PDB file of N, CA and C in Angstrom:
ATOM      1  N   MET A   1     123.102 -20.087  -3.150  1.00  0.00           N
ATOM      2  CA  MET A   1     121.810 -19.665  -2.731  1.00  0.00           C
ATOM      3  C   MET A   1     121.425 -18.269  -3.254  1.00  0.00           C
ATOM      4  N   GLY A   2     122.313 -17.520  -3.705  1.00  0.00           N
ATOM      5  CA  GLY A   2     121.989 -16.250  -4.362  1.00  0.00           C
ATOM      6  C   GLY A   2     121.036 -16.256  -5.481  1.00  0.00           C
ATOM      7  N   LEU A   3     121.246 -17.290  -6.367  1.00  0.00           N
ATOM      8  CA  LEU A   3     120.406 -17.403  -7.604  1.00  0.00           C
ATOM      9  C   LEU A   3     118.923 -17.818  -7.115  1.00  0.00           C
ATOM     10  N   VAL A   4     118.835 -18.692  -6.130  1.00  0.00           N
ATOM     11  CA  VAL A   4     117.560 -19.239  -5.614  1.00  0.00           C
ATOM     12  C   VAL A   4     116.837 -18.080  -5.034  1.00  0.00           C
ATOM     13  N   ASP A   5     117.492 -17.165  -4.236  1.00  0.00           N
ATOM     14  CA  ASP A   5     116.853 -16.063  -3.634  1.00  0.00           C
ATOM     15  C   ASP A   5     116.401 -15.071  -4.656  1.00  0.00           C
ATOM     16  N   SER A   6     117.139 -14.837  -5.656  1.00  0.00           N
ATOM     17  CA  SER A   6     116.763 -13.853  -6.666  1.00  0.00           C
ATOM     18  C   SER A   6     115.618 -14.259  -7.543  1.00  0.00           C
ATOM     19  N   VAL A   7     115.574 -15.610  -7.769  1.00  0.00           N
ATOM     20  CA  VAL A   7     114.426 -16.205  -8.544  1.00  0.00           C
ATOM     21  C   VAL A   7     113.179 -16.020  -7.603  1.00  0.00           C
ATOM     22  N   GLY A   8     113.333 -16.364  -6.385  1.00  0.00           N
ATOM     23  CA  GLY A   8     112.175 -16.163  -5.457  1.00  0.00           C
ATOM     24  C   GLY A   8     111.709 -14.811  -5.413  1.00  0.00           C
ATOM     25  N   ALA A   9     112.621 -13.878  -5.287  1.00  0.00           N
ATOM     26  CA  ALA A   9     112.220 -12.483  -5.272  1.00  0.00           C
ATOM     27  C   ALA A   9     111.511 -12.036  -6.534  1.00  0.00           C
ATOM     28  N   LEU A  10     112.011 -12.561  -7.738  1.00  0.00           N
ATOM     29  CA  LEU A  10     111.339 -12.248  -8.967  1.00  0.00           C
ATOM     30  C   LEU A  10     109.938 -12.798  -8.983  1.00  0.00           C
ATOM     31  N   ALA A  11     109.785 -14.050  -8.515  1.00  0.00           N
ATOM     32  CA  ALA A  11     108.446 -14.649  -8.571  1.00  0.00           C
ATOM     33  C   ALA A  11     107.444 -13.858  -7.633  1.00  0.00           C
ATOM     34  N   ALA A  12     107.955 -13.464  -6.506  1.00  0.00           N
ATOM     35  CA  ALA A  12     107.176 -12.669  -5.532  1.00  0.00           C
ATOM     36  C   ALA A  12     106.709 -11.334  -6.162  1.00  0.00           C
ATOM     37  N   SER A  13     107.706 -10.735  -6.853  1.00  0.00           N
ATOM     38  CA  SER A  13     107.446  -9.572  -7.471  1.00  0.00           C
ATOM     39  C   SER A  13     106.354  -9.620  -8.534  1.00  0.00           C
ATOM     40  N   ILE A  14     106.418 -10.653  -9.384  1.00  0.00           N
ATOM     41  CA  ILE A  14     105.470 -10.895 -10.374  1.00  0.00           C
ATOM     42  C   ILE A  14     104.096 -11.114  -9.823  1.00  0.00           C
ATOM     43  N   ILE A  15     103.996 -11.997  -8.783  1.00  0.00           N
ATOM     44  CA  ILE A  15     102.728 -12.218  -8.112  1.00  0.00           C
ATOM     45  C   ILE A  15     102.154 -10.977  -7.549  1.00  0.00           C
ATOM     46  N   ALA A  16     102.971 -10.110  -6.931  1.00  0.00           N
ATOM     47  CA  ALA A  16     102.508  -8.874  -6.327  1.00  0.00           C
ATOM     48  C   ALA A  16     101.987  -7.915  -7.448  1.00  0.00           C
ATOM     49  N   ALA A  17     102.645  -7.890  -8.577  1.00  0.00           N
ATOM     50  CA  ALA A  17     102.207  -7.032  -9.667  1.00  0.00           C
ATOM     51  C   ALA A  17     100.793  -7.532 -10.165  1.00  0.00           C
ATOM     52  N   ILE A  18     100.687  -8.803 -10.305  1.00  0.00           N
ATOM     53  CA  ILE A  18      99.388  -9.388 -10.806  1.00  0.00           C
ATOM     54  C   ILE A  18      98.292  -9.090  -9.843  1.00  0.00           C
ATOM     55  N   ILE A  19      98.562  -9.256  -8.557  1.00  0.00           N
ATOM     56  CA  ILE A  19      97.477  -8.946  -7.560  1.00  0.00           C
ATOM     57  C   ILE A  19      97.115  -7.471  -7.565  1.00  0.00           C
ATOM     58  N   PHE A  20      98.128  -6.612  -7.679  1.00  0.00           N
ATOM     59  CA  PHE A  20      97.890  -5.152  -7.791  1.00  0.00           C
ATOM     60  C   PHE A  20      97.046  -4.819  -9.044  1.00  0.00           C
ATOM     61  N   LEU A  21      97.281  -5.356 -10.116  1.00  0.00           N
ATOM     62  CA  LEU A  21      96.547  -5.122 -11.280  1.00  0.00           C
ATOM     63  C   LEU A  21      95.050  -5.645 -11.141  1.00  0.00           C
ATOM     64  N   VAL A  22      94.901  -6.804 -10.516  1.00  0.00           N
ATOM     65  CA  VAL A  22      93.565  -7.311 -10.340  1.00  0.00           C
ATOM     66  C   VAL A  22      92.743  -6.352  -9.439  1.00  0.00           C
ATOM     67  N   PHE A  23      93.378  -5.892  -8.406  1.00  0.00           N
ATOM     68  CA  PHE A  23      92.743  -4.960  -7.476  1.00  0.00           C
ATOM     69  C   PHE A  23      92.402  -3.642  -8.163  1.00  0.00           C
ATOM     70  N   ALA A  24      93.294  -3.190  -8.982  1.00  0.00           N
ATOM     71  CA  ALA A  24      93.119  -1.896  -9.721  1.00  0.00           C
ATOM     72  C   ALA A  24      91.887  -2.056 -10.686  1.00  0.00           C
ATOM     73  N   ILE A  25      91.779  -3.182 -11.372  1.00  0.00           N
ATOM     74  CA  ILE A  25      90.684  -3.414 -12.258  1.00  0.00           C
ATOM     75  C   ILE A  25      89.348  -3.538 -11.509  1.00  0.00           C
ATOM     76  N   LEU A  26      89.387  -4.225 -10.353  1.00  0.00           N
ATOM     77  CA  LEU A  26      88.149  -4.313  -9.514  1.00  0.00           C
ATOM     78  C   LEU A  26      87.758  -2.987  -8.992  1.00  0.00           C
ATOM     79  N   SER A  27      88.717  -2.184  -8.574  1.00  0.00           N
ATOM     80  CA  SER A  27      88.338  -0.872  -8.062  1.00  0.00           C
ATOM     81  C   SER A  27      87.775   0.074  -9.171  1.00  0.00           C
ATOM     82  N   LEU A  28      88.212  -0.158 -10.390  1.00  0.00           N
ATOM     83  CA  LEU A  28      87.662   0.657 -11.564  1.00  0.00           C
ATOM     84  C   LEU A  28      86.202   0.201 -11.753  1.00  0.00           C
ATOM     85  N   PHE A  29      85.964  -1.130 -11.730  1.00  0.00           N
ATOM     86  CA  PHE A  29      84.573  -1.561 -11.893  1.00  0.00           C
ATOM     87  C   PHE A  29      83.626  -0.986 -10.823  1.00  0.00           C
ATOM     88  N   VAL A  30      84.075  -1.052  -9.594  1.00  0.00           N
ATOM     89  CA  VAL A  30      83.239  -0.532  -8.436  1.00  0.00           C
ATOM     90  C   VAL A  30      83.036   0.941  -8.592  1.00  0.00           C
ATOM     91  N   THR A  31      84.028   1.630  -9.089  1.00  0.00           N
ATOM     92  CA  THR A  31      83.915   3.125  -9.220  1.00  0.00           C
ATOM     93  C   THR A  31      83.042   3.452 -10.405  1.00  0.00           C
ATOM     94  N   VAL A  32      82.985   2.631 -11.407  1.00  0.00           N
ATOM     95  CA  VAL A  32      82.029   2.843 -12.491  1.00  0.00           C
ATOM     96  C   VAL A  32      80.594   2.744 -12.019  1.00  0.00           C
ATOM     97  N   PHE A  33      80.269   1.783 -11.175  1.00  0.00           N
ATOM     98  CA  PHE A  33      78.972   1.624 -10.652  1.00  0.00           C
ATOM     99  C   PHE A  33      78.606   2.771  -9.725  1.00  0.00           C
ATOM    100  N   ILE A  34      79.625   3.274  -8.903  1.00  0.00           N
ATOM    101  CA  ILE A  34      79.369   4.384  -8.065  1.00  0.00           C
ATOM    102  C   ILE A  34      79.132   5.674  -8.811  1.00  0.00           C
ATOM    103  N   VAL A  35      79.891   5.937  -9.843  1.00  0.00           N
ATOM    104  CA  VAL A  35      79.675   7.124 -10.670  1.00  0.00           C
ATOM    105  C   VAL A  35      78.356   7.065 -11.395  1.00  0.00           C
ATOM    106  N   ASP A  36      77.945   5.938 -11.912  1.00  0.00           N
ATOM    107  CA  ASP A  36      76.754   5.809 -12.631  1.00  0.00           C
ATOM    108  C   ASP A  36      75.554   5.955 -11.682  1.00  0.00           C
ATOM    109  N   ALA A  37      75.632   5.391 -10.432  1.00  0.00           N
ATOM    110  CA  ALA A  37      74.540   5.608  -9.432  1.00  0.00           C
ATOM    111  C   ALA A  37      74.451   7.034  -9.011  1.00  0.00           C
ATOM    112  N   ALA A  38      75.629   7.746  -8.883  1.00  0.00           N
ATOM    113  CA  ALA A  38      75.584   9.103  -8.483  1.00  0.00           C
ATOM    114  C   ALA A  38      75.021  10.041  -9.528  1.00  0.00           C
ATOM    115  N   ALA A  39      75.305   9.692 -10.822  1.00  0.00           N
ATOM    116  CA  ALA A  39      74.639  10.449 -11.932  1.00  0.00           C
ATOM    117  C   ALA A  39      73.159  10.288 -12.007  1.00  0.00           C
ATOM    118  N   ASN A  40      72.663   8.987 -11.713  1.00  0.00           N
ATOM    119  CA  ASN A  40      71.243   8.772 -11.665  1.00  0.00           C
ATOM    120  C   ASN A  40      70.558   9.436 -10.530  1.00  0.00           C
ATOM    121  N   ILE A  41      71.231   9.532  -9.388  1.00  0.00           N
ATOM    122  CA  ILE A  41      70.688  10.218  -8.165  1.00  0.00           C
ATOM    123  C   ILE A  41      70.544  11.684  -8.518  1.00  0.00           C
ATOM    124  N   ALA A  42      71.555  12.250  -9.217  1.00  0.00           N
ATOM    125  CA  ALA A  42      71.537  13.709  -9.547  1.00  0.00           C
ATOM    126  C   ALA A  42      70.543  14.007 -10.722  1.00  0.00           C
ATOM    127  N   GLY A  43      69.985  12.969 -11.305  1.00  0.00           N
ATOM    128  CA  GLY A  43      69.099  13.202 -12.410  1.00  0.00           C
ATOM    129  C   GLY A  43      69.766  13.379 -13.780  1.00  0.00           C
ATOM    130  N   LEU A  44      70.982  12.985 -13.806  1.00  0.00           N
ATOM    131  CA  LEU A  44      71.698  13.110 -15.130  1.00  0.00           C
ATOM    132  C   LEU A  44      71.781  11.756 -15.850  1.00  0.00           C
ATOM    133  N   SER A  45      71.969  11.790 -17.119  1.00  0.00           N
ATOM    134  CA  SER A  45      72.114  10.586 -17.913  1.00  0.00           C
ATOM    135  C   SER A  45      73.284  10.767 -18.809  1.00  0.00           C
ATOM    136  N   PRO A  46      74.491  10.728 -18.339  1.00  0.00           N
ATOM    137  CA  PRO A  46      75.655  10.875 -19.298  1.00  0.00           C
ATOM    138  C   PRO A  46      75.865   9.629 -20.072  1.00  0.00           C
ATOM    139  N   ASP A  47      76.625   9.903 -21.144  1.00  0.00           N
ATOM    140  CA  ASP A  47      76.967   8.739 -22.055  1.00  0.00           C
ATOM    141  C   ASP A  47      77.938   7.835 -21.259  1.00  0.00           C
ATOM    142  N   ASP A  48      77.947   6.590 -21.709  1.00  0.00           N
ATOM    143  CA  ASP A  48      78.795   5.534 -21.018  1.00  0.00           C
ATOM    144  C   ASP A  48      80.285   5.903 -21.028  1.00  0.00           C
ATOM    145  N   GLY A  49      80.729   6.517 -22.096  1.00  0.00           N
ATOM    146  CA  GLY A  49      82.084   6.986 -22.150  1.00  0.00           C
ATOM    147  C   GLY A  49      82.508   8.000 -21.058  1.00  0.00           C
ATOM    148  N   PHE A  50      81.539   8.918 -20.733  1.00  0.00           N
ATOM    149  CA  PHE A  50      81.919   9.869 -19.728  1.00  0.00           C
ATOM    150  C   PHE A  50      81.902   9.189 -18.303  1.00  0.00           C
ATOM    151  N   VAL A  51      80.973   8.209 -18.130  1.00  0.00           N
ATOM    152  CA  VAL A  51      80.995   7.559 -16.857  1.00  0.00           C
ATOM    153  C   VAL A  51      82.209   6.817 -16.655  1.00  0.00           C
ATOM    154  N   VAL A  52      82.647   6.163 -17.678  1.00  0.00           N
ATOM    155  CA  VAL A  52      84.005   5.398 -17.592  1.00  0.00           C
ATOM    156  C   VAL A  52      85.167   6.275 -17.386  1.00  0.00           C
ATOM    157  N   LEU A  53      85.152   7.414 -18.084  1.00  0.00           N
ATOM    158  CA  LEU A  53      86.203   8.386 -17.919  1.00  0.00           C
ATOM    159  C   LEU A  53      86.230   9.003 -16.519  1.00  0.00           C
ATOM    160  N   GLY A  54      85.124   9.320 -15.999  1.00  0.00           N
ATOM    161  CA  GLY A  54      85.147   9.791 -14.606  1.00  0.00           C
ATOM    162  C   GLY A  54      85.541   8.851 -13.649  1.00  0.00           C
ATOM    163  N   ALA A  55      85.159   7.518 -13.785  1.00  0.00           N
ATOM    164  CA  ALA A  55      85.531   6.484 -12.887  1.00  0.00           C
ATOM    165  C   ALA A  55      87.031   6.165 -13.009  1.00  0.00           C
ATOM    166  N   ALA A  56      87.602   6.291 -14.215  1.00  0.00           N
ATOM    167  CA  ALA A  56      89.010   6.030 -14.401  1.00  0.00           C
ATOM    168  C   ALA A  56      89.842   7.170 -13.758  1.00  0.00           C
ATOM    169  N   ILE A  57      89.387   8.358 -13.778  1.00  0.00           N
ATOM    170  CA  ILE A  57      90.166   9.474 -13.152  1.00  0.00           C
ATOM    171  C   ILE A  57      90.120   9.272 -11.693  1.00  0.00           C
ATOM    172  N   ILE A  58      88.935   8.924 -11.157  1.00  0.00           N
ATOM    173  CA  ILE A  58      88.796   8.797  -9.684  1.00  0.00           C
ATOM    174  C   ILE A  58      89.602   7.667  -9.228  1.00  0.00           C
ATOM    175  N   ALA A  59      89.504   6.494  -9.870  1.00  0.00           N
ATOM    176  CA  ALA A  59      90.256   5.284  -9.466  1.00  0.00           C
ATOM    177  C   ALA A  59      91.754   5.554  -9.642  1.00  0.00           C
ATOM    178  N   GLY A  60      92.222   6.151 -10.700  1.00  0.00           N
ATOM    179  CA  GLY A  60      93.616   6.445 -10.896  1.00  0.00           C
ATOM    180  C   GLY A  60      94.171   7.453  -9.756  1.00  0.00           C
ATOM    181  N   ALA A  61      93.398   8.402  -9.388  1.00  0.00           N
ATOM    182  CA  ALA A  61      93.790   9.365  -8.391  1.00  0.00           C
ATOM    183  C   ALA A  61      93.871   8.640  -7.030  1.00  0.00           C
ATOM    184  N   ALA A  62      92.939   7.776  -6.764  1.00  0.00           N
ATOM    185  CA  ALA A  62      93.014   7.003  -5.476  1.00  0.00           C
ATOM    186  C   ALA A  62      94.130   6.074  -5.428  1.00  0.00           C
ATOM    187  N   ILE A  63      94.496   5.417  -6.514  1.00  0.00           N
ATOM    188  CA  ILE A  63      95.688   4.551  -6.508  1.00  0.00           C
ATOM    189  C   ILE A  63      96.915   5.300  -6.369  1.00  0.00           C
ATOM    190  N   ALA A  64      97.032   6.448  -7.064  1.00  0.00           N
ATOM    191  CA  ALA A  64      98.272   7.318  -6.926  1.00  0.00           C
ATOM    192  C   ALA A  64      98.363   7.901  -5.607  1.00  0.00           C
ATOM    193  N   ALA A  65      97.278   8.289  -4.978  1.00  0.00           N
ATOM    194  CA  ALA A  65      97.379   8.910  -3.659  1.00  0.00           C
ATOM    195  C   ALA A  65      97.678   7.827  -2.618  1.00  0.00           C
ATOM    196  N   GLY A  66      97.228   6.599  -2.822  1.00  0.00           N
ATOM    197  CA  GLY A  66      97.550   5.522  -1.895  1.00  0.00           C
ATOM    198  C   GLY A  66      99.000   5.172  -1.937  1.00  0.00           C
ATOM    199  N   GLY A  67      99.646   5.295  -3.059  1.00  0.00           N
ATOM    200  CA  GLY A  67     101.010   4.888  -3.087  1.00  0.00           C
ATOM    201  C   GLY A  67     102.015   6.054  -2.844  1.00  0.00           C
ATOM    202  N   SER A  68     101.546   7.247  -2.857  1.00  0.00           N
ATOM    203  CA  SER A  68     102.457   8.420  -2.794  1.00  0.00           C
ATOM    204  C   SER A  68     103.026   8.640  -1.437  1.00  0.00           C
ATOM    205  N   GLY A  69     102.476   8.129  -0.299  1.00  0.00           N
ATOM    206  CA  GLY A  69     103.052   8.298   1.026  1.00  0.00           C
ATOM    207  C   GLY A  69     104.113   7.255   1.327  1.00  0.00           C
ATOM    208  N   LEU A  70     104.366   6.397   0.428  1.00  0.00           N
ATOM    209  CA  LEU A  70     105.287   5.317   0.733  1.00  0.00           C
ATOM    210  C   LEU A  70     106.755   5.770   0.541  1.00  0.00           C
ATOM    211  N   THR A  71     107.020   6.848  -0.103  1.00  0.00           N
ATOM    212  CA  THR A  71     108.364   7.298  -0.448  1.00  0.00           C
ATOM    213  C   THR A  71     108.985   8.333   0.474  1.00  0.00           C
ATOM    214  N   LEU A  72     108.359   8.652   1.565  1.00  0.00           N
ATOM    215  CA  LEU A  72     108.871   9.714   2.446  1.00  0.00           C
ATOM    216  C   LEU A  72     110.094   9.196   3.187  1.00  0.00           C
ATOM    217  N   THR A  73     111.072  10.085   3.385  1.00  0.00           N
ATOM    218  CA  THR A  73     112.177   9.767   4.124  1.00  0.00           C
ATOM    219  C   THR A  73     112.029  10.310   5.508  1.00  0.00           C
ATOM    220  N   GLU A  74     112.991   9.979   6.416  1.00  0.00           N
ATOM    221  CA  GLU A  74     112.973  10.271   7.732  1.00  0.00           C
ATOM    222  C   GLU A  74     113.184  11.802   8.007  1.00  0.00           C
ATOM    223  N   GLY A  75     113.886  12.438   7.095  1.00  0.00           N
ATOM    224  CA  GLY A  75     114.304  13.774   7.238  1.00  0.00           C
ATOM    225  C   GLY A  75     113.134  14.739   7.002  1.00  0.00           C
ATOM    226  N   GLN A  76     112.069  14.260   6.390  1.00  0.00           N
ATOM    227  CA  GLN A  76     110.969  15.214   6.040  1.00  0.00           C
ATOM    228  C   GLN A  76     109.829  15.078   7.011  1.00  0.00           C
TER     229      GLN A  76
END
């Protein structure tokens, strides 16, 4: 049963990684629209590259901040 359990754990791990990547891509798309709308509200018209760069920084920071609290130990 050890081999079957490890194959199941590997499959679950792969599925979780795929789901995480899909949600990361979706959050980047949503953040691009938010940054573009915010620039339009502010009266700015930045190039598309800067909009994507800003959205990537914001989405990456949100993903990193969301996962950073998971590694705390009980002593801290």
